[in-house]
Amino acid sequence: LTQLSYHTIFIIITIRIVNYFFYMIISKIYFYSFNEKVDLFRITIISASSFIGSYFTPFKLGIPIQLYLMKNMILNSKTNERIKHIILMKLLVQYIIN
């Protein structure tokens, strides 16, 4: 890190922030495509918890945290079972890829 210039560090942080917000918007679009009304605050909480769980723990804890929070904060009893399975499969594939 001492060899990187401030300009390079700024670019890296900016790219990471844009990537984070892009992920939140894609998640909002993903839930909207299944007629789920999810506010951006819940998606932000889930994304931030997943990010912290992935990067600040010695093992990949982000996906299980994301799965737990999605199940408790977004997927309620009124949600169609098919949608629940699609979201769970998306998270499992994401876990395998990462």
C-alpha atoms as a PDB file:
ATOM      1  CA  LEU A   1       0.000   0.000   0.000  1.00  0.00           C
ATOM      2  CA  THR A   2       2.864   2.381   0.563  1.00  0.00           C
ATOM      3  CA  GLN A   3       3.824   2.130  -3.102  1.00  0.00           C
ATOM      4  CA  LEU A   4       0.369   3.097  -4.362  1.00  0.00           C
ATOM      5  CA  SER A   5      -0.354   6.719  -5.083  1.00  0.00           C
ATOM      6  CA  TYR A   6      -3.361   8.493  -3.605  1.00  0.00           C
ATOM      7  CA  HIS A   7      -4.867   8.709  -7.068  1.00  0.00           C
ATOM      8  CA  THR A   8      -4.720   4.915  -7.480  1.00  0.00           C
ATOM      9  CA  ILE A   9      -6.225   4.320  -4.040  1.00  0.00           C
ATOM     10  CA  PHE A  10      -9.005   6.799  -4.839  1.00  0.00           C
ATOM     11  CA  ILE A  11      -9.778   4.987  -8.107  1.00  0.00           C
ATOM     12  CA  ILE A  12      -9.880   1.594  -6.379  1.00  0.00           C
ATOM     13  CA  ILE A  13     -12.228   2.856  -3.663  1.00  0.00           C
ATOM     14  CA  THR A  14     -14.454   4.584  -6.229  1.00  0.00           C
ATOM     15  CA  ILE A  15     -14.728   1.414  -8.305  1.00  0.00           C
ATOM     16  CA  ARG A  16     -15.636  -0.586  -5.202  1.00  0.00           C
ATOM     17  CA  ILE A  17     -18.338   1.908  -4.185  1.00  0.00           C
ATOM     18  CA  VAL A  18     -19.823   1.942  -7.703  1.00  0.00           C
ATOM     19  CA  ASN A  19     -19.745  -1.871  -7.724  1.00  0.00           C
ATOM     20  CA  TYR A  20     -21.536  -1.954  -4.359  1.00  0.00           C
ATOM     21  CA  PHE A  21     -24.328   0.379  -5.510  1.00  0.00           C
ATOM     22  CA  PHE A  22     -24.625  -1.488  -8.805  1.00  0.00           C
ATOM     23  CA  TYR A  23     -25.148  -4.722  -6.862  1.00  0.00           C
ATOM     24  CA  MET A  24     -27.891  -3.093  -4.782  1.00  0.00           C
ATOM     25  CA  ILE A  25     -29.687  -1.803  -7.878  1.00  0.00           C
ATOM     26  CA  ILE A  26     -29.426  -5.204  -9.577  1.00  0.00           C
ATOM     27  CA  SER A  27     -30.839  -6.840  -6.442  1.00  0.00           C
ATOM     28  CA  LYS A  28     -33.747  -4.383  -6.466  1.00  0.00           C
ATOM     29  CA  ILE A  29     -34.423  -5.164 -10.145  1.00  0.00           C
ATOM     30  CA  TYR A  30     -34.147  -8.886  -9.434  1.00  0.00           C
ATOM     31  CA  PHE A  31     -36.813  -8.762  -6.708  1.00  0.00           C
ATOM     32  CA  TYR A  32     -38.988  -6.412  -8.748  1.00  0.00           C
ATOM     33  CA  SER A  33     -38.975  -8.932 -11.614  1.00  0.00           C
ATOM     34  CA  PHE A  34     -40.752 -11.385  -9.306  1.00  0.00           C
ATOM     35  CA  ASN A  35     -43.284  -8.740  -8.181  1.00  0.00           C
ATOM     36  CA  GLU A  36     -41.645  -8.391  -4.768  1.00  0.00           C
ATOM     37  CA  LYS A  37     -41.777  -4.976  -3.149  1.00  0.00           C
ATOM     38  CA  VAL A  38     -38.453  -4.567  -1.363  1.00  0.00           C
ATOM     39  CA  ASP A  39     -37.268  -1.204  -0.142  1.00  0.00           C
ATOM     40  CA  LEU A  40     -33.719  -0.102  -0.777  1.00  0.00           C
ATOM     41  CA  PHE A  41     -32.979   0.120   2.950  1.00  0.00           C
ATOM     42  CA  ARG A  42     -33.388  -3.641   3.433  1.00  0.00           C
ATOM     43  CA  ILE A  43     -31.260  -4.391   0.409  1.00  0.00           C
ATOM     44  CA  THR A  44     -28.605  -2.025   1.786  1.00  0.00           C
ATOM     45  CA  ILE A  45     -28.629  -3.778   5.172  1.00  0.00           C
ATOM     46  CA  ILE A  46     -28.366  -7.206   3.529  1.00  0.00           C
ATOM     47  CA  SER A  47     -25.591  -6.100   1.173  1.00  0.00           C
ATOM     48  CA  ALA A  48     -23.576  -4.381   3.900  1.00  0.00           C
ATOM     49  CA  SER A  49     -23.872  -7.370   6.228  1.00  0.00           C
ATOM     50  CA  SER A  50     -22.858  -9.729   3.453  1.00  0.00           C
ATOM     51  CA  PHE A  51     -19.889  -7.532   2.540  1.00  0.00           C
ATOM     52  CA  ILE A  52     -18.692  -7.320   6.141  1.00  0.00           C
ATOM     53  CA  GLY A  53     -19.206 -11.053   6.629  1.00  0.00           C
ATOM     54  CA  SER A  54     -17.231 -11.889   3.493  1.00  0.00           C
ATOM     55  CA  TYR A  55     -14.249  -9.611   3.891  1.00  0.00           C
ATOM     56  CA  PHE A  56     -13.737  -9.297   7.627  1.00  0.00           C
ATOM     57  CA  THR A  57     -14.042 -12.918   8.719  1.00  0.00           C
ATOM     58  CA  PRO A  58     -11.444 -15.642   8.178  1.00  0.00           C
ATOM     59  CA  PHE A  59     -13.926 -17.684   6.110  1.00  0.00           C
ATOM     60  CA  LYS A  60     -16.731 -16.828   3.681  1.00  0.00           C
ATOM     61  CA  LEU A  61     -19.547 -15.927   6.026  1.00  0.00           C
ATOM     62  CA  GLY A  62     -21.221 -13.402   3.717  1.00  0.00           C
ATOM     63  CA  ILE A  63     -23.463 -15.758   1.747  1.00  0.00           C
ATOM     64  CA  PRO A  64     -24.933 -17.514   4.827  1.00  0.00           C
ATOM     65  CA  ILE A  65     -25.560 -14.092   6.386  1.00  0.00           C
ATOM     66  CA  GLN A  66     -27.208 -12.915   3.171  1.00  0.00           C
ATOM     67  CA  LEU A  67     -29.340 -16.063   3.032  1.00  0.00           C
ATOM     68  CA  TYR A  68     -30.462 -15.684   6.643  1.00  0.00           C
ATOM     69  CA  LEU A  69     -31.292 -11.987   6.278  1.00  0.00           C
ATOM     70  CA  MET A  70     -33.163 -12.497   3.001  1.00  0.00           C
ATOM     71  CA  LYS A  71     -35.198 -15.259   4.566  1.00  0.00           C
ATOM     72  CA  ASN A  72     -36.106 -13.172   7.619  1.00  0.00           C
ATOM     73  CA  MET A  73     -36.327  -9.646   6.182  1.00  0.00           C
ATOM     74  CA  ILE A  74     -37.653 -10.117   2.652  1.00  0.00           C
ATOM     75  CA  LEU A  75     -39.213 -13.521   2.187  1.00  0.00           C
ATOM     76  CA  ASN A  76     -42.372 -13.580   4.246  1.00  0.00           C
ATOM     77  CA  SER A  77     -45.120 -16.168   4.448  1.00  0.00           C
ATOM     78  CA  LYS A  78     -47.022 -14.560   1.555  1.00  0.00           C
ATOM     79  CA  THR A  79     -44.146 -15.066  -0.856  1.00  0.00           C
ATOM     80  CA  ASN A  80     -44.608 -17.715  -3.480  1.00  0.00           C
ATOM     81  CA  GLU A  81     -42.610 -20.913  -2.864  1.00  0.00           C
ATOM     82  CA  ARG A  82     -41.254 -20.809  -6.417  1.00  0.00           C
ATOM     83  CA  ILE A  83     -39.741 -17.380  -5.812  1.00  0.00           C
ATOM     84  CA  LYS A  84     -38.179 -18.596  -2.569  1.00  0.00           C
ATOM     85  CA  HIS A  85     -36.506 -21.476  -4.396  1.00  0.00           C
ATOM     86  CA  ILE A  86     -35.256 -19.237  -7.214  1.00  0.00           C
ATOM     87  CA  ILE A  87     -33.683 -16.810  -4.740  1.00  0.00           C
ATOM     88  CA  LEU A  88     -32.120 -19.604  -2.704  1.00  0.00           C
ATOM     89  CA  MET A  89     -30.678 -21.188  -5.845  1.00  0.00           C
ATOM     90  CA  LYS A  90     -29.260 -17.803  -6.901  1.00  0.00           C
ATOM     91  CA  LEU A  91     -27.518 -17.493  -3.560  1.00  0.00           C
ATOM     92  CA  LEU A  92     -26.193 -21.052  -3.683  1.00  0.00           C
ATOM     93  CA  VAL A  93     -24.753 -20.530  -7.170  1.00  0.00           C
ATOM     94  CA  GLN A  94     -23.243 -17.240  -5.989  1.00  0.00           C
ATOM     95  CA  TYR A  95     -21.685 -19.069  -3.018  1.00  0.00           C
ATOM     96  CA  ILE A  96     -20.187 -21.766  -5.259  1.00  0.00           C
ATOM     97  CA  ILE A  97     -18.791 -19.244  -7.732  1.00  0.00           C
ATOM     98  CA  ASN A  98     -17.221 -17.073  -5.045  1.00  0.00           C
END
